[in-house]
PDB file of N, CA and C in Angstrom:
ATOM      1  N   MET A   1       0.845  -1.161   0.000  1.00  0.00           N
ATOM      2  CA  MET A   1       0.000   0.000   0.000  1.00  0.00           C
ATOM      3  C   MET A   1       0.900   1.236   0.000  1.00  0.00           C
ATOM      4  N   VAL A   2       0.549   2.174  -0.836  1.00  0.00           N
ATOM      5  CA  VAL A   2       1.265   3.445  -0.907  1.00  0.00           C
ATOM      6  C   VAL A   2       0.259   4.555  -0.659  1.00  0.00           C
ATOM      7  N   GLN A   3       0.582   5.435   0.275  1.00  0.00           N
ATOM      8  CA  GLN A   3      -0.302   6.549   0.596  1.00  0.00           C
ATOM      9  C   GLN A   3       0.516   7.827   0.705  1.00  0.00           C
ATOM     10  N   SER A   4      -0.171   8.949   0.550  1.00  0.00           N
ATOM     11  CA  SER A   4       0.468  10.242   0.721  1.00  0.00           C
ATOM     12  C   SER A   4      -0.567  11.267   1.161  1.00  0.00           C
ATOM     13  N   ALA A   5      -0.167  12.094   2.107  1.00  0.00           N
ATOM     14  CA  ALA A   5      -1.037  13.187   2.534  1.00  0.00           C
ATOM     15  C   ALA A   5      -0.904  14.381   1.588  1.00  0.00           C
ATOM     16  N   GLN A   6       0.167  14.421   0.800  1.00  0.00           N
ATOM     17  CA  GLN A   6       0.420  15.568  -0.065  1.00  0.00           C
ATOM     18  C   GLN A   6       0.108  15.330  -1.547  1.00  0.00           C
ATOM     19  N   HIS A   7       0.046  14.065  -1.961  1.00  0.00           N
ATOM     20  CA  HIS A   7      -0.088  13.779  -3.396  1.00  0.00           C
ATOM     21  C   HIS A   7      -1.321  12.920  -3.671  1.00  0.00           C
ATOM     22  N   SER A   8      -1.792  13.006  -4.901  1.00  0.00           N
ATOM     23  CA  SER A   8      -2.977  12.248  -5.314  1.00  0.00           C
ATOM     24  C   SER A   8      -2.643  10.765  -5.475  1.00  0.00           C
ATOM     25  N   CYS A   9      -3.667   9.974  -5.537  1.00  0.00           N
ATOM     26  CA  CYS A   9      -3.524   8.535  -5.767  1.00  0.00           C
ATOM     27  C   CYS A   9      -2.826   8.283  -7.105  1.00  0.00           C
ATOM     28  N   GLU A  10      -3.222   9.025  -8.120  1.00  0.00           N
ATOM     29  CA  GLU A  10      -2.632   8.856  -9.448  1.00  0.00           C
ATOM     30  C   GLU A  10      -1.130   9.145  -9.431  1.00  0.00           C
ATOM     31  N   TYR A  11      -0.743  10.189  -8.687  1.00  0.00           N
ATOM     32  CA  TYR A  11       0.680  10.532  -8.587  1.00  0.00           C
ATOM     33  C   TYR A  11       1.448   9.405  -7.901  1.00  0.00           C
ATOM     34  N   CYS A  12       0.885   8.867  -6.821  1.00  0.00           N
ATOM     35  CA  CYS A  12       1.541   7.779  -6.093  1.00  0.00           C
ATOM     36  C   CYS A  12       1.720   6.561  -6.987  1.00  0.00           C
ATOM     37  N   ILE A  13       0.691   6.224  -7.751  1.00  0.00           N
ATOM     38  CA  ILE A  13       0.771   5.085  -8.677  1.00  0.00           C
ATOM     39  C   ILE A  13       1.838   5.349  -9.739  1.00  0.00           C
ATOM     40  N   TYR A  14       1.847   6.557 -10.278  1.00  0.00           N
ATOM     41  CA  TYR A  14       2.839   6.927 -11.289  1.00  0.00           C
ATOM     42  C   TYR A  14       4.257   6.777 -10.744  1.00  0.00           C
ATOM     43  N   ARG A  15       4.488   7.316  -9.535  1.00  0.00           N
ATOM     44  CA  ARG A  15       5.832   7.267  -8.953  1.00  0.00           C
ATOM     45  C   ARG A  15       6.245   5.834  -8.615  1.00  0.00           C
ATOM     46  N   ALA A  16       5.304   5.031  -8.129  1.00  0.00           N
ATOM     47  CA  ALA A  16       5.609   3.632  -7.828  1.00  0.00           C
ATOM     48  C   ALA A  16       5.993   2.893  -9.106  1.00  0.00           C
ATOM     49  N   ASN A  17       5.262   3.127 -10.178  1.00  0.00           N
ATOM     50  CA  ASN A  17       5.583   2.495 -11.455  1.00  0.00           C
ATOM     51  C   ASN A  17       6.919   2.966 -12.004  1.00  0.00           C
ATOM     52  N   GLU A  18       7.214   4.242 -11.851  1.00  0.00           N
ATOM     53  CA  GLU A  18       8.514   4.767 -12.289  1.00  0.00           C
ATOM     54  C   GLU A  18       9.653   4.104 -11.519  1.00  0.00           C
ATOM     55  N   PHE A  19       9.461   3.940 -10.216  1.00  0.00           N
ATOM     56  CA  PHE A  19      10.469   3.272  -9.393  1.00  0.00           C
ATOM     57  C   PHE A  19      10.694   1.842  -9.887  1.00  0.00           C
ATOM     58  N   LEU A  20       9.611   1.104 -10.117  1.00  0.00           N
ATOM     59  CA  LEU A  20       9.731  -0.281 -10.570  1.00  0.00           C
ATOM     60  C   LEU A  20      10.428  -0.373 -11.930  1.00  0.00           C
ATOM     61  N   LEU A  21      10.101   0.544 -12.830  1.00  0.00           N
ATOM     62  CA  LEU A  21      10.765   0.547 -14.134  1.00  0.00           C
ATOM     63  C   LEU A  21      12.247   0.856 -14.003  1.00  0.00           C
ATOM     64  N   ASP A  22      12.589   1.828 -13.156  1.00  0.00           N
ATOM     65  CA  ASP A  22      14.000   2.162 -12.924  1.00  0.00           C
ATOM     66  C   ASP A  22      14.760   0.972 -12.330  1.00  0.00           C
ATOM     67  N   GLU A  23      14.132   0.285 -11.393  1.00  0.00           N
ATOM     68  CA  GLU A  23      14.783  -0.871 -10.777  1.00  0.00           C
ATOM     69  C   GLU A  23      14.956  -2.004 -11.776  1.00  0.00           C
ATOM     70  N   ARG A  24      13.990  -2.199 -12.650  1.00  0.00           N
ATOM     71  CA  ARG A  24      14.110  -3.230 -13.682  1.00  0.00           C
ATOM     72  C   ARG A  24      15.334  -2.949 -14.563  1.00  0.00           C
ATOM     73  N   VAL A  25      15.494  -1.705 -14.965  1.00  0.00           N
ATOM     74  CA  VAL A  25      16.646  -1.330 -15.793  1.00  0.00           C
ATOM     75  C   VAL A  25      17.946  -1.560 -15.027  1.00  0.00           C
ATOM     76  N   ALA A  26      17.956  -1.177 -13.743  1.00  0.00           N
ATOM     77  CA  ALA A  26      19.162  -1.350 -12.930  1.00  0.00           C
ATOM     78  C   ALA A  26      19.533  -2.829 -12.822  1.00  0.00           C
ATOM     79  N   VAL A  27      18.562  -3.689 -12.610  1.00  0.00           N
ATOM     80  CA  VAL A  27      18.834  -5.125 -12.498  1.00  0.00           C
ATOM     81  C   VAL A  27      19.287  -5.689 -13.846  1.00  0.00           C
ATOM     82  N   GLN A  28      18.657  -5.263 -14.916  1.00  0.00           N
ATOM     83  CA  GLN A  28      19.040  -5.762 -16.239  1.00  0.00           C
ATOM     84  C   GLN A  28      20.461  -5.337 -16.604  1.00  0.00           C
ATOM     85  N   ASN A  29      20.922  -4.206 -16.069  1.00  0.00           N
ATOM     86  CA  ASN A  29      22.250  -3.705 -16.403  1.00  0.00           C
ATOM     87  C   ASN A  29      23.349  -4.224 -15.487  1.00  0.00           C
ATOM     88  N   LEU A  30      22.989  -5.032 -14.489  1.00  0.00           N
ATOM     89  CA  LEU A  30      24.012  -5.603 -13.611  1.00  0.00           C
ATOM     90  C   LEU A  30      24.879  -6.585 -14.390  1.00  0.00           C
ATOM     91  N   THR A  31      26.168  -6.503 -14.162  1.00  0.00           N
ATOM     92  CA  THR A  31      27.052  -7.511 -14.738  1.00  0.00           C
ATOM     93  C   THR A  31      26.927  -8.777 -13.885  1.00  0.00           C
ATOM     94  N   ASP A  32      27.437  -9.877 -14.398  1.00  0.00           N
ATOM     95  CA  ASP A  32      27.398 -11.126 -13.641  1.00  0.00           C
ATOM     96  C   ASP A  32      28.140 -10.986 -12.313  1.00  0.00           C
ATOM     97  N   SER A  33      29.274 -10.310 -12.324  1.00  0.00           N
ATOM     98  CA  SER A  33      30.041 -10.160 -11.082  1.00  0.00           C
ATOM     99  C   SER A  33      29.313  -9.245 -10.088  1.00  0.00           C
ATOM    100  N   GLU A  34      28.670  -8.185 -10.576  1.00  0.00           N
ATOM    101  CA  GLU A  34      27.901  -7.312  -9.685  1.00  0.00           C
ATOM    102  C   GLU A  34      26.710  -8.058  -9.085  1.00  0.00           C
ATOM    103  N   PHE A  35      26.059  -8.875  -9.895  1.00  0.00           N
ATOM    104  CA  PHE A  35      24.944  -9.674  -9.403  1.00  0.00           C
ATOM    105  C   PHE A  35      25.423 -10.647  -8.328  1.00  0.00           C
ATOM    106  N   GLU A  36      26.551 -11.273  -8.575  1.00  0.00           N
ATOM    107  CA  GLU A  36      27.086 -12.237  -7.612  1.00  0.00           C
ATOM    108  C   GLU A  36      27.433 -11.554  -6.290  1.00  0.00           C
ATOM    109  N   ILE A  37      27.969 -10.360  -6.356  1.00  0.00           N
ATOM    110  CA  ILE A  37      28.283  -9.598  -5.138  1.00  0.00           C
ATOM    111  C   ILE A  37      27.002  -9.305  -4.356  1.00  0.00           C
ATOM    112  N   GLN A  38      25.961  -8.878  -5.053  1.00  0.00           N
ATOM    113  CA  GLN A  38      24.679  -8.597  -4.401  1.00  0.00           C
ATOM    114  C   GLN A  38      24.082  -9.863  -3.795  1.00  0.00           C
ATOM    115  N   ARG A  39      24.156 -10.964  -4.524  1.00  0.00           N
ATOM    116  CA  ARG A  39      23.602 -12.229  -4.045  1.00  0.00           C
ATOM    117  C   ARG A  39      24.329 -12.698  -2.791  1.00  0.00           C
ATOM    118  N   GLU A  40      25.642 -12.642  -2.805  1.00  0.00           N
ATOM    119  CA  GLU A  40      26.431 -13.073  -1.650  1.00  0.00           C
ATOM    120  C   GLU A  40      26.165 -12.185  -0.440  1.00  0.00           C
ATOM    121  N   SER A  41      26.012 -10.894  -0.685  1.00  0.00           N
ATOM    122  CA  SER A  41      25.715  -9.970   0.404  1.00  0.00           C
ATOM    123  C   SER A  41      24.380 -10.296   1.057  1.00  0.00           C
ATOM    124  N   LEU A  42      23.374 -10.568   0.243  1.00  0.00           N
ATOM    125  CA  LEU A  42      22.062 -10.930   0.771  1.00  0.00           C
ATOM    126  C   LEU A  42      22.125 -12.244   1.544  1.00  0.00           C
ATOM    127  N   MET A  43      22.834 -13.214   1.015  1.00  0.00           N
ATOM    128  CA  MET A  43      22.954 -14.496   1.702  1.00  0.00           C
ATOM    129  C   MET A  43      23.648 -14.335   3.054  1.00  0.00           C
ATOM    130  N   THR A  44      24.642 -13.476   3.115  1.00  0.00           N
ATOM    131  CA  THR A  44      25.337 -13.199   4.377  1.00  0.00           C
ATOM    132  C   THR A  44      24.387 -12.556   5.378  1.00  0.00           C
ATOM    133  N   ASP A  45      23.611 -11.577   4.926  1.00  0.00           N
ATOM    134  CA  ASP A  45      22.645 -10.917   5.808  1.00  0.00           C
ATOM    135  C   ASP A  45      21.608 -11.907   6.333  1.00  0.00           C
ATOM    136  N   LEU A  46      21.111 -12.773   5.472  1.00  0.00           N
ATOM    137  CA  LEU A  46      20.090 -13.737   5.877  1.00  0.00           C
ATOM    138  C   LEU A  46      20.631 -14.782   6.847  1.00  0.00           C
ATOM    139  N   ALA A  47      21.894 -15.128   6.709  1.00  0.00           N
ATOM    140  CA  ALA A  47      22.499 -16.153   7.558  1.00  0.00           C
ATOM    141  C   ALA A  47      22.924 -15.609   8.919  1.00  0.00           C
ATOM    142  N   GLU A  48      23.023 -14.297   9.048  1.00  0.00           N
ATOM    143  CA  GLU A  48      23.501 -13.691  10.297  1.00  0.00           C
ATOM    144  C   GLU A  48      22.481 -13.888  11.413  1.00  0.00           C
ATOM    145  N   LYS A  49      22.965 -14.345  12.547  1.00  0.00           N
ATOM    146  CA  LYS A  49      22.110 -14.566  13.707  1.00  0.00           C
ATOM    147  C   LYS A  49      21.818 -13.241  14.403  1.00  0.00           C
ATOM    148  N   ASP A  50      20.642 -13.154  15.021  1.00  0.00           N
ATOM    149  CA  ASP A  50      20.291 -11.965  15.798  1.00  0.00           C
ATOM    150  C   ASP A  50      21.203 -11.889  17.024  1.00  0.00           C
ATOM    151  N   MET A  51      21.700 -10.687  17.327  1.00  0.00           N
ATOM    152  CA  MET A  51      22.627 -10.508  18.434  1.00  0.00           C
ATOM    153  C   MET A  51      21.924 -10.230  19.764  1.00  0.00           C
ATOM    154  N   ASN A  52      20.704  -9.697  19.705  1.00  0.00           N
ATOM    155  CA  ASN A  52      19.991  -9.375  20.929  1.00  0.00           C
ATOM    156  C   ASN A  52      18.485  -9.366  20.654  1.00  0.00           C
ATOM    157  N   MET A  53      17.706  -9.161  21.703  1.00  0.00           N
ATOM    158  CA  MET A  53      16.246  -9.192  21.565  1.00  0.00           C
ATOM    159  C   MET A  53      15.731  -8.045  20.691  1.00  0.00           C
ATOM    160  N   GLY A  54      16.431  -6.926  20.683  1.00  0.00           N
ATOM    161  CA  GLY A  54      16.036  -5.810  19.823  1.00  0.00           C
ATOM    162  C   GLY A  54      16.059  -6.200  18.356  1.00  0.00           C
ATOM    163  N   GLU A  55      17.084  -6.924  17.953  1.00  0.00           N
ATOM    164  CA  GLU A  55      17.184  -7.367  16.563  1.00  0.00           C
ATOM    165  C   GLU A  55      16.111  -8.404  16.238  1.00  0.00           C
ATOM    166  N   VAL A  56      15.809  -9.280  17.209  1.00  0.00           N
ATOM    167  CA  VAL A  56      14.735 -10.256  17.013  1.00  0.00           C
ATOM    168  C   VAL A  56      13.419  -9.511  16.800  1.00  0.00           C
ATOM    169  N   HIS A  57      13.188  -8.498  17.607  1.00  0.00           N
ATOM    170  CA  HIS A  57      11.960  -7.693  17.520  1.00  0.00           C
ATOM    171  C   HIS A  57      11.849  -7.013  16.151  1.00  0.00           C
ATOM    172  N   VAL A  58      12.905  -6.349  15.735  1.00  0.00           N
ATOM    173  CA  VAL A  58      12.900  -5.627  14.458  1.00  0.00           C
ATOM    174  C   VAL A  58      12.667  -6.587  13.299  1.00  0.00           C
ATOM    175  N   ARG A  59      13.351  -7.730  13.320  1.00  0.00           N
ATOM    176  CA  ARG A  59      13.185  -8.715  12.245  1.00  0.00           C
ATOM    177  C   ARG A  59      11.755  -9.250  12.213  1.00  0.00           C
ATOM    178  N   GLY A  60      11.230  -9.572  13.383  1.00  0.00           N
ATOM    179  CA  GLY A  60       9.883 -10.110  13.450  1.00  0.00           C
ATOM    180  C   GLY A  60       8.837  -9.131  12.954  1.00  0.00           C
ATOM    181  N   TRP A  61       8.908  -7.882  13.410  1.00  0.00           N
ATOM    182  CA  TRP A  61       7.946  -6.895  12.965  1.00  0.00           C
ATOM    183  C   TRP A  61       8.140  -6.539  11.498  1.00  0.00           C
ATOM    184  N   GLY A  62       9.357  -6.594  11.022  1.00  0.00           N
ATOM    185  CA  GLY A  62       9.599  -6.362   9.598  1.00  0.00           C
ATOM    186  C   GLY A  62       8.901  -7.405   8.740  1.00  0.00           C
ATOM    187  N   GLN A  63       8.933  -8.662   9.197  1.00  0.00           N
ATOM    188  CA  GLN A  63       8.272  -9.725   8.450  1.00  0.00           C
ATOM    189  C   GLN A  63       6.764  -9.568   8.508  1.00  0.00           C
ATOM    190  N   ILE A  64       6.248  -9.175   9.675  1.00  0.00           N
ATOM    191  CA  ILE A  64       4.812  -8.948   9.805  1.00  0.00           C
ATOM    192  C   ILE A  64       4.368  -7.801   8.895  1.00  0.00           C
ATOM    193  N   ALA A  65       5.138  -6.724   8.899  1.00  0.00           N
ATOM    194  CA  ALA A  65       4.769  -5.537   8.118  1.00  0.00           C
ATOM    195  C   ALA A  65       4.793  -5.810   6.618  1.00  0.00           C
ATOM    196  N   SER A  66       5.715  -6.650   6.180  1.00  0.00           N
ATOM    197  CA  SER A  66       5.798  -6.911   4.741  1.00  0.00           C
ATOM    198  C   SER A  66       4.817  -7.971   4.346  1.00  0.00           C
TER     199      SER A  66
END
Protein backbone atom coordinates (compact mmCIF):
# COMPACT_ATOMS: atom_id res chain seq x y z
CA MET A 1 0.00 0.00 0.00
CA VAL A 2 1.27 3.45 -0.91
CA GLN A 3 -0.30 6.55 0.60
CA SER A 4 0.47 10.24 0.72
CA ALA A 5 -1.04 13.19 2.53
CA GLN A 6 0.42 15.57 -0.07
CA HIS A 7 -0.09 13.78 -3.40
CA SER A 8 -2.98 12.25 -5.31
CA CYS A 9 -3.52 8.54 -5.77
CA GLU A 10 -2.63 8.86 -9.45
CA TYR A 11 0.68 10.53 -8.59
CA CYS A 12 1.54 7.78 -6.09
CA ILE A 13 0.77 5.09 -8.68
CA TYR A 14 2.84 6.93 -11.29
CA ARG A 15 5.83 7.27 -8.95
CA ALA A 16 5.61 3.63 -7.83
CA ASN A 17 5.58 2.49 -11.46
CA GLU A 18 8.51 4.77 -12.29
CA PHE A 19 10.47 3.27 -9.39
CA LEU A 20 9.73 -0.28 -10.57
CA LEU A 21 10.77 0.55 -14.13
CA ASP A 22 14.00 2.16 -12.92
CA GLU A 23 14.78 -0.87 -10.78
CA ARG A 24 14.11 -3.23 -13.68
CA VAL A 25 16.65 -1.33 -15.79
CA ALA A 26 19.16 -1.35 -12.93
CA VAL A 27 18.83 -5.12 -12.50
CA GLN A 28 19.04 -5.76 -16.24
CA ASN A 29 22.25 -3.71 -16.40
CA LEU A 30 24.01 -5.60 -13.61
CA THR A 31 27.05 -7.51 -14.74
CA ASP A 32 27.40 -11.13 -13.64
CA SER A 33 30.04 -10.16 -11.08
CA GLU A 34 27.90 -7.31 -9.68
CA PHE A 35 24.94 -9.67 -9.40
CA GLU A 36 27.09 -12.24 -7.61
CA ILE A 37 28.28 -9.60 -5.14
CA GLN A 38 24.68 -8.60 -4.40
CA ARG A 39 23.60 -12.23 -4.04
CA GLU A 40 26.43 -13.07 -1.65
CA SER A 41 25.72 -9.97 0.40
CA LEU A 42 22.06 -10.93 0.77
CA MET A 43 22.95 -14.50 1.70
CA THR A 44 25.34 -13.20 4.38
CA ASP A 45 22.65 -10.92 5.81
CA LEU A 46 20.09 -13.74 5.88
CA ALA A 47 22.50 -16.15 7.56
CA GLU A 48 23.50 -13.69 10.30
CA LYS A 49 22.11 -14.57 13.71
CA ASP A 50 20.29 -11.96 15.80
CA MET A 51 22.63 -10.51 18.43
CA ASN A 52 19.99 -9.37 20.93
CA MET A 53 16.25 -9.19 21.57
CA GLY A 54 16.04 -5.81 19.82
CA GLU A 55 17.18 -7.37 16.56
CA VAL A 56 14.74 -10.26 17.01
CA HIS A 57 11.96 -7.69 17.52
CA VAL A 58 12.90 -5.63 14.46
CA ARG A 59 13.19 -8.72 12.25
CA GLY A 60 9.88 -10.11 13.45
CA TRP A 61 7.95 -6.90 12.96
CA GLY A 62 9.60 -6.36 9.60
CA GLN A 63 8.27 -9.73 8.45
CA ILE A 64 4.81 -8.95 9.80
CA ALA A 65 4.77 -5.54 8.12
CA SER A 66 5.80 -6.91 4.74
